[in-house]
Amino acid sequence: MKRFIPHVTVATVVEDQGRFLLVEEHAEGRMVLNQPAGHLEANESLLQAALRETLEETGWEVELTGVTGIYLYTAPANGVTYQRVCFAARPLRHRPELPLDHGIIGPRWLTREELEARHEQWRSDLVPRCIDDYLAGGSYPLELIRTPA
């Protein structure tokens, strides 16, 4: 019997004056929009992963302010299940001199309405869901995430 192993990922909802930091990137043969997001790496905490992925994909240093939610998503393209831990954050400093990850076109600041108008570019339905949960006030303390002693 094949063992089920979900992929652990992180994402960050970064809001500044009604605009959200998104990543425009090449994925699955098209240009898509996503939160700064990626896989947890070995010997890394979820919080460290969220900060790293946001910086690597957007050039933005951020401060995590809460946990927006934990989501399960099965990608229709490959059948892989991802467990996404989504964080809320505020921008601190842009570092445009840093190289962005392979496949990243660049960061984009969009309102929720502008994102809705680009529905065909969503990488998945988790993109608006995480923002909507953030806007609805769904934020839990960072202490919810426990790290080994």
Protein backbone atom coordinates (compact mmCIF):
# COMPACT_ATOMS: atom_id res chain seq x y z
CA MET A 1 0.00 0.00 0.00
CA LYS A 2 1.32 3.43 -0.98
CA ARG A 3 1.82 5.72 2.02
CA PHE A 4 0.09 9.10 1.93
CA ILE A 5 2.58 11.92 2.50
CA PRO A 6 1.32 15.50 2.26
CA HIS A 7 3.75 18.26 1.34
CA VAL A 8 4.13 20.92 4.05
CA THR A 9 4.10 24.46 2.68
CA VAL A 10 3.91 27.98 4.07
CA ALA A 11 2.37 31.13 2.64
CA THR A 12 2.25 34.74 3.78
CA VAL A 13 -0.54 37.29 3.45
CA VAL A 14 1.24 40.65 3.51
CA GLU A 15 -1.08 43.67 3.57
CA ASP A 16 -0.19 47.34 3.28
CA GLN A 17 -2.90 50.01 3.00
CA GLY A 18 -5.42 47.69 1.37
CA ARG A 19 -3.02 46.08 -1.08
CA PHE A 20 -1.66 42.55 -0.83
CA LEU A 21 1.81 41.36 -1.76
CA LEU A 22 1.52 38.65 -4.39
CA VAL A 23 4.02 36.81 -6.53
CA GLU A 24 3.68 36.59 -10.29
CA GLU A 25 5.46 33.44 -11.41
CA HIS A 26 5.72 30.79 -14.10
CA ALA A 27 4.04 27.56 -12.99
CA GLU A 28 2.51 24.67 -14.87
CA GLY A 29 3.20 26.36 -18.20
CA ARG A 30 1.46 29.65 -17.44
CA MET A 31 1.88 32.90 -15.50
CA VAL A 32 0.11 32.71 -12.15
CA LEU A 33 -0.44 34.76 -9.00
CA ASN A 34 0.17 33.35 -5.56
CA GLN A 35 1.03 34.49 -2.08
CA PRO A 36 4.74 34.30 -1.33
CA ALA A 37 4.79 30.57 -0.60
CA GLY A 38 6.90 27.45 -0.69
CA HIS A 39 7.98 24.23 0.92
CA LEU A 40 9.30 23.75 4.41
CA GLU A 41 12.97 22.79 4.32
CA ALA A 42 14.88 20.43 6.61
CA ASN A 43 15.83 21.86 10.02
CA GLU A 44 13.63 24.92 9.50
CA SER A 45 10.67 26.12 11.55
CA LEU A 46 7.41 27.11 9.89
CA LEU A 47 8.03 30.74 10.86
CA GLN A 48 11.55 30.68 9.40
CA ALA A 49 10.19 29.14 6.21
CA ALA A 50 7.55 31.86 5.82
CA LEU A 51 10.11 34.64 6.29
CA ARG A 52 12.59 32.97 3.91
CA GLU A 53 10.04 32.26 1.16
CA THR A 54 8.68 35.81 1.31
CA LEU A 55 12.17 37.28 0.97
CA GLU A 56 13.27 34.85 -1.76
CA GLU A 57 10.16 35.36 -3.87
CA THR A 58 9.50 39.09 -3.41
CA GLY A 59 12.61 40.78 -2.00
CA TRP A 60 10.53 41.91 0.99
CA GLU A 61 11.52 41.49 4.63
CA VAL A 62 8.35 41.10 6.69
CA GLU A 63 7.27 40.71 10.30
CA LEU A 64 4.91 37.83 10.94
CA THR A 65 1.90 38.99 12.98
CA GLY A 66 -0.32 35.92 13.19
CA VAL A 67 -1.51 32.64 11.76
CA THR A 68 -4.31 33.06 9.22
CA GLY A 69 -5.11 29.38 8.83
CA ILE A 70 -4.05 25.84 8.06
CA TYR A 71 -5.35 24.43 4.78
CA LEU A 72 -5.31 21.15 2.88
CA TYR A 73 -5.27 21.39 -0.90
CA THR A 74 -5.00 18.64 -3.49
CA ALA A 75 -3.67 19.95 -6.79
CA PRO A 76 -5.81 18.75 -9.69
CA ALA A 77 -2.82 18.81 -12.05
CA ASN A 78 -0.78 16.19 -10.17
CA GLY A 79 -2.96 14.86 -7.32
CA VAL A 80 -0.42 15.96 -4.69
CA THR A 81 -1.86 17.11 -1.36
CA TYR A 82 -0.34 20.15 0.27
CA GLN A 83 -0.77 21.27 3.86
CA ARG A 84 -0.43 25.06 3.82
CA VAL A 85 0.20 27.06 6.96
CA CYS A 86 -0.66 30.65 6.12
CA PHE A 87 0.70 33.58 8.10
CA ALA A 88 -0.29 37.23 8.25
CA ALA A 89 2.55 39.73 8.02
CA ARG A 90 3.38 43.37 7.64
CA PRO A 91 6.08 44.68 5.29
CA LEU A 92 9.27 46.03 6.83
CA ARG A 93 11.80 46.67 4.06
CA HIS A 94 12.09 46.06 0.34
CA ARG A 95 15.41 44.63 -0.86
CA PRO A 96 15.21 45.04 -4.67
CA GLU A 97 18.90 44.16 -5.07
CA LEU A 98 18.28 40.55 -4.02
CA PRO A 99 17.83 37.96 -6.76
CA LEU A 100 14.39 36.31 -6.81
CA ASP A 101 13.79 32.55 -6.99
CA HIS A 102 13.84 30.80 -10.35
CA GLY A 103 10.53 31.19 -12.18
CA ILE A 104 9.50 34.34 -10.32
CA ILE A 105 8.54 37.25 -12.56
CA GLY A 106 8.22 39.65 -9.65
CA PRO A 107 6.20 40.94 -6.73
CA ARG A 108 2.80 42.55 -7.36
CA TRP A 109 0.76 44.65 -4.94
CA LEU A 110 -2.95 44.19 -5.66
CA THR A 111 -6.20 45.02 -3.91
CA ARG A 112 -8.65 42.19 -3.31
CA GLU A 113 -10.77 43.59 -6.17
CA GLU A 114 -7.81 43.66 -8.56
CA LEU A 115 -7.03 40.07 -7.62
CA GLU A 116 -10.64 39.05 -8.31
CA ALA A 117 -10.41 40.60 -11.78
CA ARG A 118 -7.43 38.32 -12.50
CA HIS A 119 -9.19 35.11 -11.44
CA GLU A 120 -7.76 33.15 -14.37
CA GLN A 121 -4.24 33.77 -13.01
CA TRP A 122 -4.79 32.34 -9.52
CA ARG A 123 -2.36 29.52 -8.88
CA SER A 124 -5.13 27.90 -6.81
CA ASP A 125 -8.30 28.82 -4.94
CA LEU A 126 -6.15 29.13 -1.81
CA VAL A 127 -4.92 32.52 -3.06
CA PRO A 128 -8.19 34.41 -2.48
CA ARG A 129 -9.22 32.11 0.39
CA CYS A 130 -6.21 33.10 2.50
CA ILE A 131 -6.81 36.80 1.84
CA ASP A 132 -10.52 36.48 2.59
CA ASP A 133 -9.78 34.68 5.86
CA TYR A 134 -7.31 37.44 6.75
CA LEU A 135 -9.87 40.14 5.93
CA ALA A 136 -12.51 38.36 8.01
CA GLY A 137 -10.25 38.75 11.03
CA GLY A 138 -9.20 35.13 11.19
CA SER A 139 -5.82 35.47 12.81
CA TYR A 140 -4.39 33.37 15.60
CA PRO A 141 -1.35 34.15 17.77
CA LEU A 142 2.03 33.02 16.44
CA GLU A 143 2.40 31.04 19.69
CA LEU A 144 -0.03 28.56 18.12
CA ILE A 145 2.99 27.25 16.21
CA ARG A 146 5.15 25.21 18.57
CA THR A 147 8.80 24.51 17.94
CA PRO A 148 10.86 21.74 19.54
CA ALA A 149 12.45 22.63 22.89
